[in-house]
């Protein structure tokens, strides 16, 4: 089980790995990330970790070795409520 652990800046910023019983196996801190918002493991076996601050997805192998960055440019939008 892979868990993204960290939502706010200044807090945890790690990927934690547990076995099926919940026993802690290992962890790593993704490079250059203030927070770890989400992750997924794709069919290719790599772990994709969201890095909102740098507008990219960081790719790791299951042991936490960095593979590559995938740039994901975005523009923050918000709606203003009136009334």
PDB file of N, CA and C in Angstrom:
ATOM      1  N   UNK A   1       0.844  -1.147   0.000  1.00  0.00           N
ATOM      2  CA  UNK A   1       0.000   0.000   0.000  1.00  0.00           C
ATOM      3  C   UNK A   1       0.906   1.231   0.000  1.00  0.00           C
ATOM      4  N   UNK A   2       0.656   2.157  -0.918  1.00  0.00           N
ATOM      5  CA  UNK A   2       1.403   3.405  -1.023  1.00  0.00           C
ATOM      6  C   UNK A   2       0.487   4.536  -0.575  1.00  0.00           C
ATOM      7  N   UNK A   3       0.995   5.407   0.299  1.00  0.00           N
ATOM      8  CA  UNK A   3       0.186   6.478   0.872  1.00  0.00           C
ATOM      9  C   UNK A   3       0.896   7.811   0.679  1.00  0.00           C
ATOM     10  N   UNK A   4       0.172   8.804   0.155  1.00  0.00           N
ATOM     11  CA  UNK A   4       0.717  10.163   0.107  1.00  0.00           C
ATOM     12  C   UNK A   4       0.419  10.795   1.457  1.00  0.00           C
ATOM     13  N   UNK A   5       1.461  11.253   2.127  1.00  0.00           N
ATOM     14  CA  UNK A   5       1.335  11.777   3.489  1.00  0.00           C
ATOM     15  C   UNK A   5       1.825  13.213   3.512  1.00  0.00           C
ATOM     16  N   UNK A   6       0.896  14.154   3.393  1.00  0.00           N
ATOM     17  CA  UNK A   6       1.240  15.560   3.448  1.00  0.00           C
ATOM     18  C   UNK A   6       0.266  16.391   2.663  1.00  0.00           C
ATOM     19  N   UNK A   7      -0.355  17.341   3.311  1.00  0.00           N
ATOM     20  CA  UNK A   7      -1.300  18.206   2.614  1.00  0.00           C
ATOM     21  C   UNK A   7      -0.915  19.666   2.729  1.00  0.00           C
ATOM     22  N   UNK A   8      -0.421  20.084   3.875  1.00  0.00           N
ATOM     23  CA  UNK A   8      -0.086  21.488   4.057  1.00  0.00           C
ATOM     24  C   UNK A   8       1.411  21.722   4.074  1.00  0.00           C
ATOM     25  N   UNK A   9       1.817  22.882   3.574  1.00  0.00           N
ATOM     26  CA  UNK A   9       3.238  23.241   3.590  1.00  0.00           C
ATOM     27  C   UNK A   9       3.746  23.258   5.028  1.00  0.00           C
ATOM     28  N   UNK A  10       4.951  22.774   5.227  1.00  0.00           N
ATOM     29  CA  UNK A  10       5.544  22.734   6.548  1.00  0.00           C
ATOM     30  C   UNK A  10       5.237  21.454   7.319  1.00  0.00           C
ATOM     31  N   UNK A  11       4.395  20.607   6.769  1.00  0.00           N
ATOM     32  CA  UNK A  11       4.048  19.354   7.423  1.00  0.00           C
ATOM     33  C   UNK A  11       4.782  18.188   6.781  1.00  0.00           C
ATOM     34  N   UNK A  12       4.192  17.021   6.898  1.00  0.00           N
ATOM     35  CA  UNK A  12       4.778  15.845   6.261  1.00  0.00           C
ATOM     36  C   UNK A  12       4.816  16.047   4.756  1.00  0.00           C
ATOM     37  N   UNK A  13       5.772  15.419   4.118  1.00  0.00           N
ATOM     38  CA  UNK A  13       5.868  15.440   2.652  1.00  0.00           C
ATOM     39  C   UNK A  13       6.560  14.164   2.227  1.00  0.00           C
ATOM     40  N   UNK A  14       5.854  13.060   2.391  1.00  0.00           N
ATOM     41  CA  UNK A  14       6.481  11.780   2.113  1.00  0.00           C
ATOM     42  C   UNK A  14       5.515  10.826   1.421  1.00  0.00           C
ATOM     43  N   UNK A  15       6.109   9.799   0.868  1.00  0.00           N
ATOM     44  CA  UNK A  15       5.373   8.644   0.383  1.00  0.00           C
ATOM     45  C   UNK A  15       5.710   7.521   1.355  1.00  0.00           C
ATOM     46  N   UNK A  16       4.686   6.964   1.983  1.00  0.00           N
ATOM     47  CA  UNK A  16       4.876   5.862   2.927  1.00  0.00           C
ATOM     48  C   UNK A  16       4.388   4.571   2.274  1.00  0.00           C
ATOM     49  N   UNK A  17       5.083   3.477   2.559  1.00  0.00           N
ATOM     50  CA  UNK A  17       4.741   2.182   1.979  1.00  0.00           C
ATOM     51  C   UNK A  17       4.509   1.192   3.118  1.00  0.00           C
ATOM     52  N   UNK A  18       3.366   0.498   3.072  1.00  0.00           N
ATOM     53  CA  UNK A  18       3.018  -0.510   4.063  1.00  0.00           C
ATOM     54  C   UNK A  18       2.686  -1.830   3.369  1.00  0.00           C
ATOM     55  N   UNK A  19       2.775  -2.911   4.119  1.00  0.00           N
ATOM     56  CA  UNK A  19       2.341  -4.189   3.554  1.00  0.00           C
ATOM     57  C   UNK A  19       0.832  -4.343   3.761  1.00  0.00           C
ATOM     58  N   UNK A  20       0.285  -5.459   3.350  1.00  0.00           N
ATOM     59  CA  UNK A  20      -1.168  -5.636   3.405  1.00  0.00           C
ATOM     60  C   UNK A  20      -1.731  -5.680   4.812  1.00  0.00           C
ATOM     61  N   UNK A  21      -0.877  -5.904   5.829  1.00  0.00           N
ATOM     62  CA  UNK A  21      -1.346  -5.884   7.217  1.00  0.00           C
ATOM     63  C   UNK A  21      -1.216  -4.502   7.850  1.00  0.00           C
ATOM     64  N   UNK A  22      -0.649  -3.545   7.128  1.00  0.00           N
ATOM     65  CA  UNK A  22      -0.457  -2.201   7.649  1.00  0.00           C
ATOM     66  C   UNK A  22       0.902  -1.977   8.280  1.00  0.00           C
ATOM     67  N   UNK A  23       1.779  -2.978   8.217  1.00  0.00           N
ATOM     68  CA  UNK A  23       3.131  -2.832   8.778  1.00  0.00           C
ATOM     69  C   UNK A  23       3.952  -1.905   7.890  1.00  0.00           C
ATOM     70  N   UNK A  24       4.593  -0.918   8.530  1.00  0.00           N
ATOM     71  CA  UNK A  24       5.411   0.050   7.816  1.00  0.00           C
ATOM     72  C   UNK A  24       6.614  -0.647   7.185  1.00  0.00           C
ATOM     73  N   UNK A  25       6.863  -0.358   5.896  1.00  0.00           N
ATOM     74  CA  UNK A  25       8.000  -0.942   5.186  1.00  0.00           C
ATOM     75  C   UNK A  25       9.092   0.085   4.898  1.00  0.00           C
ATOM     76  N   UNK A  26       8.696   1.218   4.342  1.00  0.00           N
ATOM     77  CA  UNK A  26       9.690   2.237   3.970  1.00  0.00           C
ATOM     78  C   UNK A  26       8.967   3.536   3.658  1.00  0.00           C
ATOM     79  N   UNK A  27       9.775   4.572   3.462  1.00  0.00           N
ATOM     80  CA  UNK A  27       9.236   5.866   3.055  1.00  0.00           C
ATOM     81  C   UNK A  27      10.288   6.621   2.264  1.00  0.00           C
ATOM     82  N   UNK A  28       9.843   7.632   1.523  1.00  0.00           N
ATOM     83  CA  UNK A  28      10.773   8.545   0.889  1.00  0.00           C
ATOM     84  C   UNK A  28      10.103   9.898   0.739  1.00  0.00           C
ATOM     85  N   UNK A  29      10.936  10.932   0.632  1.00  0.00           N
ATOM     86  CA  UNK A  29      10.452  12.283   0.401  1.00  0.00           C
ATOM     87  C   UNK A  29      10.752  12.658  -1.042  1.00  0.00           C
ATOM     88  N   UNK A  30       9.692  12.888  -1.827  1.00  0.00           N
ATOM     89  CA  UNK A  30       9.908  13.289  -3.213  1.00  0.00           C
ATOM     90  C   UNK A  30      10.734  14.566  -3.300  1.00  0.00           C
ATOM     91  N   UNK A  31      11.635  14.602  -4.247  1.00  0.00           N
ATOM     92  CA  UNK A  31      12.568  15.710  -4.414  1.00  0.00           C
ATOM     93  C   UNK A  31      11.855  17.030  -4.709  1.00  0.00           C
ATOM     94  N   UNK A  32      12.228  18.071  -3.972  1.00  0.00           N
ATOM     95  CA  UNK A  32      11.766  19.416  -4.269  1.00  0.00           C
ATOM     96  C   UNK A  32      10.288  19.667  -4.054  1.00  0.00           C
ATOM     97  N   UNK A  33       9.617  18.863  -3.242  1.00  0.00           N
ATOM     98  CA  UNK A  33       8.183  19.052  -3.018  1.00  0.00           C
ATOM     99  C   UNK A  33       7.937  19.584  -1.612  1.00  0.00           C
ATOM    100  N   UNK A  34       7.062  20.594  -1.514  1.00  0.00           N
ATOM    101  CA  UNK A  34       6.666  21.116  -0.211  1.00  0.00           C
ATOM    102  C   UNK A  34       5.583  20.257   0.421  1.00  0.00           C
ATOM    103  N   UNK A  35       4.739  19.657  -0.404  1.00  0.00           N
ATOM    104  CA  UNK A  35       3.670  18.780   0.065  1.00  0.00           C
ATOM    105  C   UNK A  35       3.505  17.632  -0.927  1.00  0.00           C
ATOM    106  N   UNK A  36       2.898  16.577  -0.484  1.00  0.00           N
ATOM    107  CA  UNK A  36       2.571  15.443  -1.355  1.00  0.00           C
ATOM    108  C   UNK A  36       1.052  15.322  -1.347  1.00  0.00           C
ATOM    109  N   UNK A  37       0.410  15.804  -2.412  1.00  0.00           N
ATOM    110  CA  UNK A  37      -1.047  15.880  -2.436  1.00  0.00           C
ATOM    111  C   UNK A  37      -1.709  14.564  -2.828  1.00  0.00           C
ATOM    112  N   UNK A  38      -1.121  13.862  -3.760  1.00  0.00           N
ATOM    113  CA  UNK A  38      -1.746  12.628  -4.225  1.00  0.00           C
ATOM    114  C   UNK A  38      -0.702  11.784  -4.936  1.00  0.00           C
ATOM    115  N   UNK A  39      -1.055  10.526  -5.154  1.00  0.00           N
ATOM    116  CA  UNK A  39      -0.198   9.634  -5.934  1.00  0.00           C
ATOM    117  C   UNK A  39      -1.045   8.523  -6.507  1.00  0.00           C
ATOM    118  N   UNK A  40      -0.488   7.855  -7.486  1.00  0.00           N
ATOM    119  CA  UNK A  40      -1.106   6.657  -8.042  1.00  0.00           C
ATOM    120  C   UNK A  40      -0.004   5.750  -8.565  1.00  0.00           C
ATOM    121  N   UNK A  41      -0.307   4.473  -8.626  1.00  0.00           N
ATOM    122  CA  UNK A  41       0.597   3.517  -9.254  1.00  0.00           C
ATOM    123  C   UNK A  41      -0.070   3.093 -10.559  1.00  0.00           C
ATOM    124  N   UNK A  42       0.610   3.326 -11.658  1.00  0.00           N
ATOM    125  CA  UNK A  42       0.040   3.052 -12.971  1.00  0.00           C
ATOM    126  C   UNK A  42       0.326   1.611 -13.399  1.00  0.00           C
ATOM    127  N   UNK A  43      -0.288   1.218 -14.490  1.00  0.00           N
ATOM    128  CA  UNK A  43      -0.081  -0.127 -15.037  1.00  0.00           C
ATOM    129  C   UNK A  43       1.367  -0.393 -15.414  1.00  0.00           C
ATOM    130  N   UNK A  44       2.143   0.685 -15.646  1.00  0.00           N
ATOM    131  CA  UNK A  44       3.557   0.494 -15.985  1.00  0.00           C
ATOM    132  C   UNK A  44       4.424   0.209 -14.752  1.00  0.00           C
ATOM    133  N   UNK A  45       3.812   0.217 -13.552  1.00  0.00           N
ATOM    134  CA  UNK A  45       4.530  -0.108 -12.325  1.00  0.00           C
ATOM    135  C   UNK A  45       5.219   1.069 -11.662  1.00  0.00           C
ATOM    136  N   UNK A  46       5.124   2.256 -12.243  1.00  0.00           N
ATOM    137  CA  UNK A  46       5.738   3.434 -11.650  1.00  0.00           C
ATOM    138  C   UNK A  46       4.755   4.156 -10.729  1.00  0.00           C
ATOM    139  N   UNK A  47       5.315   4.897  -9.776  1.00  0.00           N
ATOM    140  CA  UNK A  47       4.529   5.683  -8.833  1.00  0.00           C
ATOM    141  C   UNK A  47       4.540   7.133  -9.318  1.00  0.00           C
ATOM    142  N   UNK A  48       3.362   7.683  -9.562  1.00  0.00           N
ATOM    143  CA  UNK A  48       3.208   9.051 -10.049  1.00  0.00           C
ATOM    144  C   UNK A  48       2.734   9.918  -8.883  1.00  0.00           C
ATOM    145  N   UNK A  49       3.548  10.932  -8.536  1.00  0.00           N
ATOM    146  CA  UNK A  49       3.281  11.770  -7.369  1.00  0.00           C
ATOM    147  C   UNK A  49       2.981  13.196  -7.826  1.00  0.00           C
ATOM    148  N   UNK A  50       1.879  13.774  -7.336  1.00  0.00           N
ATOM    149  CA  UNK A  50       1.462  15.126  -7.713  1.00  0.00           C
ATOM    150  C   UNK A  50       2.331  16.175  -7.037  1.00  0.00           C
ATOM    151  N   UNK A  51       2.810  17.121  -7.817  1.00  0.00           N
ATOM    152  CA  UNK A  51       3.585  18.251  -7.303  1.00  0.00           C
ATOM    153  C   UNK A  51       2.930  19.524  -7.829  1.00  0.00           C
ATOM    154  N   UNK A  52       1.940  20.039  -7.083  1.00  0.00           N
ATOM    155  CA  UNK A  52       1.190  21.213  -7.541  1.00  0.00           C
ATOM    156  C   UNK A  52       2.040  22.471  -7.596  1.00  0.00           C
ATOM    157  N   UNK A  53       2.915  22.679  -6.622  1.00  0.00           N
ATOM    158  CA  UNK A  53       3.697  23.911  -6.581  1.00  0.00           C
ATOM    159  C   UNK A  53       4.576  24.074  -7.814  1.00  0.00           C
ATOM    160  N   UNK A  54       5.140  23.011  -8.336  1.00  0.00           N
ATOM    161  CA  UNK A  54       6.011  23.094  -9.505  1.00  0.00           C
ATOM    162  C   UNK A  54       5.311  22.661 -10.795  1.00  0.00           C
ATOM    163  N   UNK A  55       4.003  22.497 -10.764  1.00  0.00           N
ATOM    164  CA  UNK A  55       3.196  22.162 -11.951  1.00  0.00           C
ATOM    165  C   UNK A  55       3.751  20.958 -12.693  1.00  0.00           C
ATOM    166  N   UNK A  56       3.953  19.872 -11.957  1.00  0.00           N
ATOM    167  CA  UNK A  56       4.459  18.664 -12.603  1.00  0.00           C
ATOM    168  C   UNK A  56       4.039  17.427 -11.811  1.00  0.00           C
ATOM    169  N   UNK A  57       4.203  16.310 -12.460  1.00  0.00           N
ATOM    170  CA  UNK A  57       4.040  15.003 -11.815  1.00  0.00           C
ATOM    171  C   UNK A  57       5.423  14.378 -11.788  1.00  0.00           C
ATOM    172  N   UNK A  58       5.813  13.910 -10.622  1.00  0.00           N
ATOM    173  CA  UNK A  58       7.126  13.285 -10.480  1.00  0.00           C
ATOM    174  C   UNK A  58       6.945  11.774 -10.477  1.00  0.00           C
ATOM    175  N   UNK A  59       7.781  11.092 -11.245  1.00  0.00           N
ATOM    176  CA  UNK A  59       7.662   9.652 -11.436  1.00  0.00           C
ATOM    177  C   UNK A  59       8.801   8.952 -10.703  1.00  0.00           C
ATOM    178  N   UNK A  60       8.452   7.903  -9.940  1.00  0.00           N
ATOM    179  CA  UNK A  60       9.413   7.122  -9.163  1.00  0.00           C
ATOM    180  C   UNK A  60       9.179   5.642  -9.411  1.00  0.00           C
ATOM    181  N   UNK A  61      10.219   4.838  -9.176  1.00  0.00           N
ATOM    182  CA  UNK A  61       9.968   3.398  -9.151  1.00  0.00           C
ATOM    183  C   UNK A  61       9.410   3.059  -7.770  1.00  0.00           C
ATOM    184  N   UNK A  62       9.017   1.828  -7.552  1.00  0.00           N
ATOM    185  CA  UNK A  62       8.365   1.450  -6.293  1.00  0.00           C
ATOM    186  C   UNK A  62       9.290   1.494  -5.080  1.00  0.00           C
ATOM    187  N   UNK A  63      10.589   1.613  -5.311  1.00  0.00           N
ATOM    188  CA  UNK A  63      11.534   1.732  -4.199  1.00  0.00           C
ATOM    189  C   UNK A  63      11.843   3.196  -3.874  1.00  0.00           C
ATOM    190  N   UNK A  64      11.290   4.127  -4.644  1.00  0.00           N
ATOM    191  CA  UNK A  64      11.477   5.540  -4.376  1.00  0.00           C
ATOM    192  C   UNK A  64      12.591   6.195  -5.163  1.00  0.00           C
ATOM    193  N   UNK A  65      13.102   5.514  -6.170  1.00  0.00           N
ATOM    194  CA  UNK A  65      14.137   6.111  -7.025  1.00  0.00           C
ATOM    195  C   UNK A  65      13.469   6.971  -8.090  1.00  0.00           C
ATOM    196  N   UNK A  66      13.939   8.220  -8.183  1.00  0.00           N
ATOM    197  CA  UNK A  66      13.392   9.170  -9.141  1.00  0.00           C
ATOM    198  C   UNK A  66      13.636   8.689 -10.570  1.00  0.00           C
ATOM    199  N   UNK A  67      12.601   8.809 -11.422  1.00  0.00           N
ATOM    200  CA  UNK A  67      12.700   8.408 -12.825  1.00  0.00           C
ATOM    201  C   UNK A  67      12.667   9.639 -13.733  1.00  0.00           C
ATOM    202  N   UNK A  68      11.634  10.481 -13.586  1.00  0.00           N
ATOM    203  CA  UNK A  68      11.517  11.659 -14.449  1.00  0.00           C
ATOM    204  C   UNK A  68      10.419  12.580 -13.939  1.00  0.00           C
ATOM    205  N   UNK A  69      10.404  13.793 -14.489  1.00  0.00           N
ATOM    206  CA  UNK A  69       9.328  14.758 -14.268  1.00  0.00           C
ATOM    207  C   UNK A  69       8.442  14.791 -15.498  1.00  0.00           C
ATOM    208  N   UNK A  70       7.160  14.965 -15.285  1.00  0.00           N
ATOM    209  CA  UNK A  70       6.207  15.208 -16.365  1.00  0.00           C
ATOM    210  C   UNK A  70       5.615  16.583 -16.097  1.00  0.00           C
ATOM    211  N   UNK A  71       5.945  17.552 -16.942  1.00  0.00           N
ATOM    212  CA  UNK A  71       5.458  18.917 -16.765  1.00  0.00           C
ATOM    213  C   UNK A  71       3.963  18.971 -17.070  1.00  0.00           C
ATOM    214  N   UNK A  72       3.210  19.635 -16.199  1.00  0.00           N
ATOM    215  CA  UNK A  72       1.767  19.768 -16.356  1.00  0.00           C
ATOM    216  C   UNK A  72       1.397  21.226 -16.097  1.00  0.00           C
ATOM    217  N   UNK A  73       1.581  22.088 -17.103  1.00  0.00           N
ATOM    218  CA  UNK A  73       1.264  23.505 -16.900  1.00  0.00           C
ATOM    219  C   UNK A  73      -0.225  23.693 -16.625  1.00  0.00           C
ATOM    220  N   UNK A  74      -0.527  24.593 -15.722  1.00  0.00           N
ATOM    221  CA  UNK A  74      -1.922  24.886 -15.416  1.00  0.00           C
ATOM    222  C   UNK A  74      -2.038  26.323 -14.933  1.00  0.00           C
ATOM    223  N   UNK A  75      -3.234  26.848 -15.030  1.00  0.00           N
ATOM    224  CA  UNK A  75      -3.541  28.183 -14.534  1.00  0.00           C
ATOM    225  C   UNK A  75      -4.597  28.048 -13.450  1.00  0.00           C
ATOM    226  N   UNK A  76      -4.328  28.587 -12.266  1.00  0.00           N
ATOM    227  CA  UNK A  76      -5.348  28.512 -11.210  1.00  0.00           C
ATOM    228  C   UNK A  76      -6.524  29.425 -11.542  1.00  0.00           C
ATOM    229  N   UNK A  77      -7.700  28.905 -11.406  1.00  0.00           N
ATOM    230  CA  UNK A  77      -8.909  29.679 -11.645  1.00  0.00           C
ATOM    231  C   UNK A  77      -9.760  29.623 -10.387  1.00  0.00           C
ATOM    232  N   UNK A  78     -10.424  30.688 -10.119  1.00  0.00           N
ATOM    233  CA  UNK A  78     -11.374  30.701  -9.013  1.00  0.00           C
ATOM    234  C   UNK A  78     -12.606  31.460  -9.460  1.00  0.00           C
ATOM    235  N   UNK A  79     -13.713  31.164  -8.819  1.00  0.00           N
ATOM    236  CA  UNK A  79     -14.940  31.870  -9.145  1.00  0.00           C
ATOM    237  C   UNK A  79     -15.264  32.798  -7.984  1.00  0.00           C
ATOM    238  N   UNK A  80     -15.779  33.906  -8.321  1.00  0.00           N
ATOM    239  CA  UNK A  80     -16.153  34.879  -7.293  1.00  0.00           C
ATOM    240  C   UNK A  80     -17.656  34.842  -7.133  1.00  0.00           C
ATOM    241  N   UNK A  81     -18.070  34.547  -5.925  1.00  0.00           N
ATOM    242  CA  UNK A  81     -19.495  34.505  -5.651  1.00  0.00           C
ATOM    243  C   UNK A  81     -19.983  35.898  -5.341  1.00  0.00           C
ATOM    244  N   UNK A  82     -21.101  36.264  -5.923  1.00  0.00           N
ATOM    245  CA  UNK A  82     -21.697  37.564  -5.643  1.00  0.00           C
ATOM    246  C   UNK A  82     -23.097  37.349  -5.126  1.00  0.00           C
ATOM    247  N   UNK A  83     -23.580  38.343  -4.447  1.00  0.00           N
ATOM    248  CA  UNK A  83     -24.972  38.237  -4.043  1.00  0.00           C
ATOM    249  C   UNK A  83     -25.194  38.463  -2.662  1.00  0.00           C
TER     250      UNK A  83
END
